[in-house]
Amino acid sequence: MITVRELYALWGSDEEFHPELRQSLEPRGPEWLLELFAGLGPKPGEFVLDVGARDGRHLARLVAEHGVEGLALDPVPQSPEVVEGVIEALPVDDGGVDWIWCRDVLVHVDVERGLAECARVLKPGGKMLAYVTLATALLEPREEQRLKDAVALTCLDGERIERAAAAAGLVTEQKIELGGEWRERLIEDGEYDPTDSLLRLSRMRRLGIESPHHEIDLTWGIYQLLGKLCPTVYVWSTTSSA
């Protein structure tokens, strides 16, 4: 543990702590996920299943950019182009899918059943790209429970997800921990302001406003920047390409 004398010596130093922290580290942003998919080599005519598609905009991009075909599913469709469906019971035949795109879904579902279904519908050599936010050791148990209660989370445990994938027969080809990179990119591009989130959180408390959902919505990005939550990308396949 640092002593008070040592602490005051650090505070009194004229040297700036790591000047490079004031410079961009060229963080990856949300568009990078589309670039990662492109690098996996999708071919025209192949079939992409977007699980948890919301309004279907991601699948629309994949279809337009790669000439693939696809189906967008979501438990609460937000567009006529999206079919109602859940990951635990995919309305697709065995081995009928070349690719699965799955973003911000696994934290809300039964991951064991969901990943088993994904493995069932993938063709031999098919791949699944999943973006999921995971808890780190810095997230306290009570914080984690508050997140789960407020925004319908079932799993923030990376080890559980990886066990479920292995049990389903999915092979991990890539695991990429993004940490706070996307948030850095959004801040640098002027698309996200953590100061605004912190101000609104403080005002909620001063005004006595109780709204766990809105509080977690404001906290989510802050927790990513603090390292309590770690956005992570998995690329799984039904057989290893190694």
C-alpha atoms as a PDB file:
ATOM      1  CA  MET A   1       0.000   0.000   0.000  1.00  0.00           C
ATOM      2  CA  ILE A   2       1.236   3.470  -0.863  1.00  0.00           C
ATOM      3  CA  THR A   3       2.062   5.797   2.046  1.00  0.00           C
ATOM      4  CA  VAL A   4       0.697   9.316   2.392  1.00  0.00           C
ATOM      5  CA  ARG A   5       4.235  10.706   1.962  1.00  0.00           C
ATOM      6  CA  GLU A   6       4.689   8.762  -1.292  1.00  0.00           C
ATOM      7  CA  LEU A   7       1.267   9.891  -2.497  1.00  0.00           C
ATOM      8  CA  TYR A   8       2.045  13.561  -1.863  1.00  0.00           C
ATOM      9  CA  ALA A   9       5.344  13.155  -3.681  1.00  0.00           C
ATOM     10  CA  LEU A  10       3.486  11.820  -6.719  1.00  0.00           C
ATOM     11  CA  TRP A  11       0.922  14.615  -6.596  1.00  0.00           C
ATOM     12  CA  GLY A  12       3.680  17.205  -6.291  1.00  0.00           C
ATOM     13  CA  SER A  13       5.647  15.943  -9.277  1.00  0.00           C
ATOM     14  CA  ASP A  14       5.925  18.205 -12.301  1.00  0.00           C
ATOM     15  CA  GLU A  15       6.091  15.223 -14.664  1.00  0.00           C
ATOM     16  CA  GLU A  16       2.910  14.409 -16.528  1.00  0.00           C
ATOM     17  CA  PHE A  17       1.698  10.854 -16.020  1.00  0.00           C
ATOM     18  CA  HIS A  18       2.118   9.067 -19.372  1.00  0.00           C
ATOM     19  CA  PRO A  19       1.665  11.948 -21.870  1.00  0.00           C
ATOM     20  CA  GLU A  20       0.672   9.389 -24.554  1.00  0.00           C
ATOM     21  CA  LEU A  21      -2.656   8.993 -22.744  1.00  0.00           C
ATOM     22  CA  ARG A  22      -3.654  12.318 -24.311  1.00  0.00           C
ATOM     23  CA  GLN A  23      -3.267  10.818 -27.787  1.00  0.00           C
ATOM     24  CA  SER A  24      -5.653   8.558 -29.680  1.00  0.00           C
ATOM     25  CA  LEU A  25      -4.754   4.873 -29.758  1.00  0.00           C
ATOM     26  CA  GLU A  26      -6.829   4.514 -32.944  1.00  0.00           C
ATOM     27  CA  PRO A  27      -9.520   2.413 -31.272  1.00  0.00           C
ATOM     28  CA  ARG A  28     -11.781   0.116 -33.236  1.00  0.00           C
ATOM     29  CA  GLY A  29     -15.427   1.188 -33.432  1.00  0.00           C
ATOM     30  CA  PRO A  30     -18.723  -0.568 -34.190  1.00  0.00           C
ATOM     31  CA  GLU A  31     -17.997  -0.609 -37.940  1.00  0.00           C
ATOM     32  CA  TRP A  32     -15.058  -2.900 -37.217  1.00  0.00           C
ATOM     33  CA  LEU A  33     -17.443  -5.791 -36.545  1.00  0.00           C
ATOM     34  CA  LEU A  34     -18.601  -5.618 -40.156  1.00  0.00           C
ATOM     35  CA  GLU A  35     -14.973  -5.530 -41.268  1.00  0.00           C
ATOM     36  CA  LEU A  36     -14.240  -8.623 -39.201  1.00  0.00           C
ATOM     37  CA  PHE A  37     -17.128 -10.465 -40.849  1.00  0.00           C
ATOM     38  CA  ALA A  38     -15.868  -9.437 -44.298  1.00  0.00           C
ATOM     39  CA  GLY A  39     -12.427 -10.809 -43.454  1.00  0.00           C
ATOM     40  CA  LEU A  40     -13.912 -14.213 -42.701  1.00  0.00           C
ATOM     41  CA  GLY A  41     -14.694 -14.631 -46.398  1.00  0.00           C
ATOM     42  CA  PRO A  42     -18.471 -14.728 -46.947  1.00  0.00           C
ATOM     43  CA  LYS A  43     -19.441 -15.622 -50.510  1.00  0.00           C
ATOM     44  CA  PRO A  44     -22.412 -14.501 -52.626  1.00  0.00           C
ATOM     45  CA  GLY A  45     -25.385 -16.774 -52.239  1.00  0.00           C
ATOM     46  CA  GLU A  46     -24.404 -18.073 -48.808  1.00  0.00           C
ATOM     47  CA  PHE A  47     -27.038 -17.919 -46.073  1.00  0.00           C
ATOM     48  CA  VAL A  48     -26.693 -15.652 -43.022  1.00  0.00           C
ATOM     49  CA  LEU A  49     -28.930 -15.962 -39.970  1.00  0.00           C
ATOM     50  CA  ASP A  50     -29.086 -12.764 -37.905  1.00  0.00           C
ATOM     51  CA  VAL A  51     -30.163 -13.805 -34.420  1.00  0.00           C
ATOM     52  CA  GLY A  52     -31.465 -10.873 -32.387  1.00  0.00           C
ATOM     53  CA  ALA A  53     -31.717  -8.604 -35.410  1.00  0.00           C
ATOM     54  CA  ARG A  54     -33.880  -5.830 -33.901  1.00  0.00           C
ATOM     55  CA  ASP A  55     -34.700  -3.720 -36.989  1.00  0.00           C
ATOM     56  CA  GLY A  56     -32.626  -5.868 -39.366  1.00  0.00           C
ATOM     57  CA  ARG A  57     -30.190  -3.154 -40.391  1.00  0.00           C
ATOM     58  CA  HIS A  58     -27.083  -5.268 -39.825  1.00  0.00           C
ATOM     59  CA  LEU A  59     -28.332  -8.099 -42.017  1.00  0.00           C
ATOM     60  CA  ALA A  60     -29.301  -5.551 -44.676  1.00  0.00           C
ATOM     61  CA  ARG A  61     -25.687  -4.322 -44.697  1.00  0.00           C
ATOM     62  CA  LEU A  62     -24.321  -7.849 -44.988  1.00  0.00           C
ATOM     63  CA  VAL A  63     -26.667  -8.662 -47.872  1.00  0.00           C
ATOM     64  CA  ALA A  64     -25.828  -5.432 -49.711  1.00  0.00           C
ATOM     65  CA  GLU A  65     -22.053  -5.698 -49.222  1.00  0.00           C
ATOM     66  CA  HIS A  66     -21.518  -9.435 -49.770  1.00  0.00           C
ATOM     67  CA  GLY A  67     -24.400 -10.642 -51.906  1.00  0.00           C
ATOM     68  CA  VAL A  68     -25.443 -13.153 -49.270  1.00  0.00           C
ATOM     69  CA  GLU A  69     -28.996 -14.255 -48.524  1.00  0.00           C
ATOM     70  CA  GLY A  70     -30.388 -14.147 -45.046  1.00  0.00           C
ATOM     71  CA  LEU A  71     -33.064 -14.279 -42.399  1.00  0.00           C
ATOM     72  CA  ALA A  72     -33.405 -11.794 -39.546  1.00  0.00           C
ATOM     73  CA  LEU A  73     -34.920 -13.044 -36.279  1.00  0.00           C
ATOM     74  CA  ASP A  74     -35.824 -11.236 -33.076  1.00  0.00           C
ATOM     75  CA  PRO A  75     -38.133 -11.991 -30.143  1.00  0.00           C
ATOM     76  CA  VAL A  76     -39.534  -8.454 -30.517  1.00  0.00           C
ATOM     77  CA  PRO A  77     -39.273  -7.557 -34.228  1.00  0.00           C
ATOM     78  CA  GLN A  78     -38.894  -3.847 -34.936  1.00  0.00           C
ATOM     79  CA  SER A  79     -39.363  -4.061 -38.693  1.00  0.00           C
ATOM     80  CA  PRO A  80     -41.600  -5.992 -41.134  1.00  0.00           C
ATOM     81  CA  GLU A  81     -38.437  -7.559 -42.567  1.00  0.00           C
ATOM     82  CA  VAL A  82     -37.656  -9.221 -39.217  1.00  0.00           C
ATOM     83  CA  VAL A  83     -39.295 -12.529 -38.281  1.00  0.00           C
ATOM     84  CA  GLU A  84     -40.299 -13.240 -34.714  1.00  0.00           C
ATOM     85  CA  GLY A  85     -38.116 -15.962 -33.230  1.00  0.00           C
ATOM     86  CA  VAL A  86     -35.733 -16.829 -30.410  1.00  0.00           C
ATOM     87  CA  ILE A  87     -32.254 -18.307 -30.326  1.00  0.00           C
ATOM     88  CA  GLU A  88     -33.372 -21.221 -28.151  1.00  0.00           C
ATOM     89  CA  ALA A  89     -35.714 -22.508 -30.911  1.00  0.00           C
ATOM     90  CA  LEU A  90     -34.427 -21.416 -34.322  1.00  0.00           C
ATOM     91  CA  PRO A  91     -36.946 -21.914 -37.172  1.00  0.00           C
ATOM     92  CA  VAL A  92     -34.259 -23.315 -39.472  1.00  0.00           C
ATOM     93  CA  ASP A  93     -33.471 -26.859 -40.641  1.00  0.00           C
ATOM     94  CA  ASP A  94     -30.417 -28.725 -39.411  1.00  0.00           C
ATOM     95  CA  GLY A  95     -27.297 -27.636 -41.286  1.00  0.00           C
ATOM     96  CA  GLY A  96     -29.146 -24.947 -43.226  1.00  0.00           C
ATOM     97  CA  VAL A  97     -26.984 -21.912 -42.363  1.00  0.00           C
ATOM     98  CA  ASP A  98     -23.523 -20.826 -43.524  1.00  0.00           C
ATOM     99  CA  TRP A  99     -23.159 -17.917 -41.100  1.00  0.00           C
ATOM    100  CA  ILE A 100     -24.699 -16.709 -37.862  1.00  0.00           C
ATOM    101  CA  TRP A 101     -24.472 -13.037 -36.872  1.00  0.00           C
ATOM    102  CA  CYS A 102     -25.307 -12.566 -33.200  1.00  0.00           C
ATOM    103  CA  ARG A 103     -24.875  -9.163 -31.586  1.00  0.00           C
ATOM    104  CA  ASP A 104     -25.922  -8.204 -28.029  1.00  0.00           C
ATOM    105  CA  VAL A 105     -27.998 -11.373 -27.594  1.00  0.00           C
ATOM    106  CA  LEU A 106     -26.207 -13.955 -25.457  1.00  0.00           C
ATOM    107  CA  VAL A 107     -26.486 -11.897 -22.263  1.00  0.00           C
ATOM    108  CA  HIS A 108     -30.293 -12.154 -22.454  1.00  0.00           C
ATOM    109  CA  VAL A 109     -30.864 -15.845 -23.200  1.00  0.00           C
ATOM    110  CA  ASP A 110     -30.358 -19.422 -22.075  1.00  0.00           C
ATOM    111  CA  VAL A 111     -26.861 -19.690 -23.532  1.00  0.00           C
ATOM    112  CA  GLU A 112     -26.671 -23.488 -23.309  1.00  0.00           C
ATOM    113  CA  ARG A 113     -29.857 -24.015 -25.313  1.00  0.00           C
ATOM    114  CA  GLY A 114     -29.152 -21.080 -27.613  1.00  0.00           C
ATOM    115  CA  LEU A 115     -25.652 -22.128 -28.618  1.00  0.00           C
ATOM    116  CA  ALA A 116     -26.767 -25.740 -29.044  1.00  0.00           C
ATOM    117  CA  GLU A 117     -29.396 -24.473 -31.510  1.00  0.00           C
ATOM    118  CA  CYS A 118     -26.794 -22.395 -33.349  1.00  0.00           C
ATOM    119  CA  ALA A 119     -24.559 -25.433 -33.703  1.00  0.00           C
ATOM    120  CA  ARG A 120     -27.520 -27.468 -34.973  1.00  0.00           C
ATOM    121  CA  VAL A 121     -28.390 -25.105 -37.808  1.00  0.00           C
ATOM    122  CA  LEU A 122     -24.826 -24.379 -38.955  1.00  0.00           C
ATOM    123  CA  LYS A 123     -23.435 -26.328 -41.879  1.00  0.00           C
ATOM    124  CA  PRO A 124     -20.157 -28.248 -41.407  1.00  0.00           C
ATOM    125  CA  GLY A 125     -17.514 -25.528 -41.485  1.00  0.00           C
ATOM    126  CA  GLY A 126     -20.108 -22.844 -40.852  1.00  0.00           C
ATOM    127  CA  LYS A 127     -19.173 -19.921 -38.611  1.00  0.00           C
ATOM    128  CA  MET A 128     -20.836 -17.840 -35.940  1.00  0.00           C
ATOM    129  CA  LEU A 129     -19.761 -14.297 -35.090  1.00  0.00           C
ATOM    130  CA  ALA A 130     -21.008 -13.235 -31.658  1.00  0.00           C
ATOM    131  CA  TYR A 131     -20.577  -9.893 -29.893  1.00  0.00           C
ATOM    132  CA  VAL A 132     -21.266 -10.099 -26.157  1.00  0.00           C
ATOM    133  CA  THR A 133     -20.536  -7.905 -23.147  1.00  0.00           C
ATOM    134  CA  LEU A 134     -18.970  -9.796 -20.236  1.00  0.00           C
ATOM    135  CA  ALA A 135     -18.322  -8.986 -16.600  1.00  0.00           C
ATOM    136  CA  THR A 136     -14.732  -8.618 -15.429  1.00  0.00           C
ATOM    137  CA  ALA A 137     -13.228  -9.168 -11.989  1.00  0.00           C
ATOM    138  CA  LEU A 138     -13.715  -5.431 -11.328  1.00  0.00           C
ATOM    139  CA  LEU A 139     -17.501  -5.751 -11.408  1.00  0.00           C
ATOM    140  CA  GLU A 140     -18.701  -6.308  -7.859  1.00  0.00           C
ATOM    141  CA  PRO A 141     -21.364  -9.001  -7.266  1.00  0.00           C
ATOM    142  CA  ARG A 142     -23.998  -6.485  -6.170  1.00  0.00           C
ATOM    143  CA  GLU A 143     -23.304  -4.368  -9.248  1.00  0.00           C
ATOM    144  CA  GLU A 144     -23.703  -7.436 -11.452  1.00  0.00           C
ATOM    145  CA  GLN A 145     -26.997  -8.367  -9.813  1.00  0.00           C
ATOM    146  CA  ARG A 146     -28.275  -4.825 -10.246  1.00  0.00           C
ATOM    147  CA  LEU A 147     -27.430  -4.979 -13.953  1.00  0.00           C
ATOM    148  CA  LYS A 148     -29.192  -8.314 -14.336  1.00  0.00           C
ATOM    149  CA  ASP A 149     -32.325  -7.165 -12.520  1.00  0.00           C
ATOM    150  CA  ALA A 150     -32.584  -3.851 -14.375  1.00  0.00           C
ATOM    151  CA  VAL A 151     -32.104  -4.926 -17.999  1.00  0.00           C
ATOM    152  CA  ALA A 152     -33.108  -8.598 -18.138  1.00  0.00           C
ATOM    153  CA  LEU A 153     -29.624 -10.100 -18.224  1.00  0.00           C
ATOM    154  CA  THR A 154     -29.160 -13.832 -17.741  1.00  0.00           C
ATOM    155  CA  CYS A 155     -25.422 -14.278 -18.246  1.00  0.00           C
ATOM    156  CA  LEU A 156     -22.374 -12.005 -18.071  1.00  0.00           C
ATOM    157  CA  ASP A 157     -20.030 -14.938 -17.434  1.00  0.00           C
ATOM    158  CA  GLY A 158     -17.524 -15.547 -20.216  1.00  0.00           C
ATOM    159  CA  GLU A 159     -16.458 -18.919 -18.838  1.00  0.00           C
ATOM    160  CA  ARG A 160     -20.046 -20.155 -18.865  1.00  0.00           C
ATOM    161  CA  ILE A 161     -20.529 -18.998 -22.447  1.00  0.00           C
ATOM    162  CA  GLU A 162     -17.310 -20.677 -23.552  1.00  0.00           C
ATOM    163  CA  ARG A 163     -18.300 -23.930 -21.822  1.00  0.00           C
ATOM    164  CA  ALA A 164     -21.693 -23.793 -23.524  1.00  0.00           C
ATOM    165  CA  ALA A 165     -20.080 -23.235 -26.922  1.00  0.00           C
ATOM    166  CA  ALA A 166     -17.692 -26.159 -26.443  1.00  0.00           C
ATOM    167  CA  ALA A 167     -20.495 -28.431 -25.255  1.00  0.00           C
ATOM    168  CA  ALA A 168     -22.471 -27.544 -28.389  1.00  0.00           C
ATOM    169  CA  GLY A 169     -19.533 -28.555 -30.567  1.00  0.00           C
ATOM    170  CA  LEU A 170     -18.506 -25.030 -31.529  1.00  0.00           C
ATOM    171  CA  VAL A 171     -14.781 -24.433 -31.905  1.00  0.00           C
ATOM    172  CA  THR A 172     -13.358 -21.065 -30.861  1.00  0.00           C
ATOM    173  CA  GLU A 173     -11.368 -19.665 -33.775  1.00  0.00           C
ATOM    174  CA  GLN A 174     -11.037 -16.146 -32.408  1.00  0.00           C
ATOM    175  CA  LYS A 175     -11.714 -14.398 -29.115  1.00  0.00           C
ATOM    176  CA  ILE A 176     -11.200 -10.640 -29.195  1.00  0.00           C
ATOM    177  CA  GLU A 177     -11.566  -8.584 -26.024  1.00  0.00           C
ATOM    178  CA  LEU A 178     -12.433  -5.012 -26.991  1.00  0.00           C
ATOM    179  CA  GLY A 179     -12.660  -3.527 -23.505  1.00  0.00           C
ATOM    180  CA  GLY A 180     -13.386   0.196 -23.812  1.00  0.00           C
ATOM    181  CA  GLU A 181     -12.257   0.534 -27.444  1.00  0.00           C
ATOM    182  CA  TRP A 182     -15.677   1.091 -28.987  1.00  0.00           C
ATOM    183  CA  ARG A 183     -16.481   3.717 -26.374  1.00  0.00           C
ATOM    184  CA  GLU A 184     -13.147   5.446 -27.046  1.00  0.00           C
ATOM    185  CA  ARG A 185     -13.989   5.513 -30.760  1.00  0.00           C
ATOM    186  CA  LEU A 186     -17.463   6.902 -30.124  1.00  0.00           C
ATOM    187  CA  ILE A 187     -16.061   9.595 -27.814  1.00  0.00           C
ATOM    188  CA  GLU A 188     -13.365  10.585 -30.306  1.00  0.00           C
ATOM    189  CA  ASP A 189     -15.971  10.725 -33.086  1.00  0.00           C
ATOM    190  CA  GLY A 190     -18.303  12.863 -30.968  1.00  0.00           C
ATOM    191  CA  GLU A 191     -21.029  10.179 -30.887  1.00  0.00           C
ATOM    192  CA  TYR A 192     -20.916   9.438 -27.147  1.00  0.00           C
ATOM    193  CA  ASP A 193     -20.430  11.781 -24.211  1.00  0.00           C
ATOM    194  CA  PRO A 194     -19.703  10.058 -20.875  1.00  0.00           C
ATOM    195  CA  THR A 195     -19.836  13.449 -19.111  1.00  0.00           C
ATOM    196  CA  ASP A 196     -23.478  13.806 -20.120  1.00  0.00           C
ATOM    197  CA  SER A 197     -24.235  10.323 -18.773  1.00  0.00           C
ATOM    198  CA  LEU A 198     -22.542  11.113 -15.458  1.00  0.00           C
ATOM    199  CA  LEU A 199     -24.374  14.430 -15.127  1.00  0.00           C
ATOM    200  CA  ARG A 200     -27.740  12.772 -15.685  1.00  0.00           C
ATOM    201  CA  LEU A 201     -26.912  10.021 -13.198  1.00  0.00           C
ATOM    202  CA  SER A 202     -26.023  12.606 -10.584  1.00  0.00           C
ATOM    203  CA  ARG A 203     -29.191  14.596 -11.292  1.00  0.00           C
ATOM    204  CA  MET A 204     -31.313  11.443 -10.989  1.00  0.00           C
ATOM    205  CA  ARG A 205     -29.947  10.906  -7.500  1.00  0.00           C
ATOM    206  CA  ARG A 206     -30.382  14.534  -6.449  1.00  0.00           C
ATOM    207  CA  LEU A 207     -33.975  14.519  -7.684  1.00  0.00           C
ATOM    208  CA  GLY A 208     -34.691  11.141  -6.120  1.00  0.00           C
ATOM    209  CA  ILE A 209     -35.654   9.571  -9.452  1.00  0.00           C
ATOM    210  CA  GLU A 210     -35.816   5.785  -9.247  1.00  0.00           C
ATOM    211  CA  SER A 211     -35.537   4.182 -12.681  1.00  0.00           C
ATOM    212  CA  PRO A 212     -33.127   1.211 -12.695  1.00  0.00           C
ATOM    213  CA  HIS A 213     -33.447   0.681 -16.452  1.00  0.00           C
ATOM    214  CA  HIS A 214     -32.474   4.274 -17.282  1.00  0.00           C
ATOM    215  CA  GLU A 215     -29.735   4.261 -14.655  1.00  0.00           C
ATOM    216  CA  ILE A 216     -28.118   1.148 -16.147  1.00  0.00           C
ATOM    217  CA  ASP A 217     -28.500   2.548 -19.650  1.00  0.00           C
ATOM    218  CA  LEU A 218     -26.435   5.545 -18.540  1.00  0.00           C
ATOM    219  CA  THR A 219     -23.991   3.390 -16.562  1.00  0.00           C
ATOM    220  CA  TRP A 220     -23.278   0.746 -19.240  1.00  0.00           C
ATOM    221  CA  GLY A 221     -20.742   2.733 -21.238  1.00  0.00           C
ATOM    222  CA  ILE A 222     -19.086   4.087 -18.094  1.00  0.00           C
ATOM    223  CA  TYR A 223     -18.579   0.536 -16.843  1.00  0.00           C
ATOM    224  CA  GLN A 224     -16.941  -0.376 -20.153  1.00  0.00           C
ATOM    225  CA  LEU A 225     -14.533   2.542 -19.857  1.00  0.00           C
ATOM    226  CA  LEU A 226     -13.787   1.614 -16.227  1.00  0.00           C
ATOM    227  CA  GLY A 227     -13.071  -1.980 -17.188  1.00  0.00           C
ATOM    228  CA  LYS A 228     -15.977  -3.469 -15.229  1.00  0.00           C
ATOM    229  CA  LEU A 229     -17.592  -4.690 -18.448  1.00  0.00           C
ATOM    230  CA  CYS A 230     -15.656  -6.055 -21.417  1.00  0.00           C
ATOM    231  CA  PRO A 231     -17.263  -6.221 -24.862  1.00  0.00           C
ATOM    232  CA  THR A 232     -15.939  -9.419 -26.411  1.00  0.00           C
ATOM    233  CA  VAL A 233     -16.200 -10.949 -29.879  1.00  0.00           C
ATOM    234  CA  TYR A 234     -16.138 -14.670 -30.542  1.00  0.00           C
ATOM    235  CA  VAL A 235     -15.784 -16.400 -33.874  1.00  0.00           C
ATOM    236  CA  TRP A 236     -16.950 -19.995 -33.536  1.00  0.00           C
ATOM    237  CA  SER A 237     -17.102 -22.700 -36.185  1.00  0.00           C
ATOM    238  CA  THR A 238     -18.513 -26.192 -36.424  1.00  0.00           C
ATOM    239  CA  THR A 239     -15.032 -27.366 -37.388  1.00  0.00           C
ATOM    240  CA  SER A 240     -11.672 -25.707 -36.804  1.00  0.00           C
ATOM    241  CA  SER A 241     -10.029 -23.955 -39.763  1.00  0.00           C
ATOM    242  CA  ALA A 242      -6.588 -24.394 -38.178  1.00  0.00           C
END
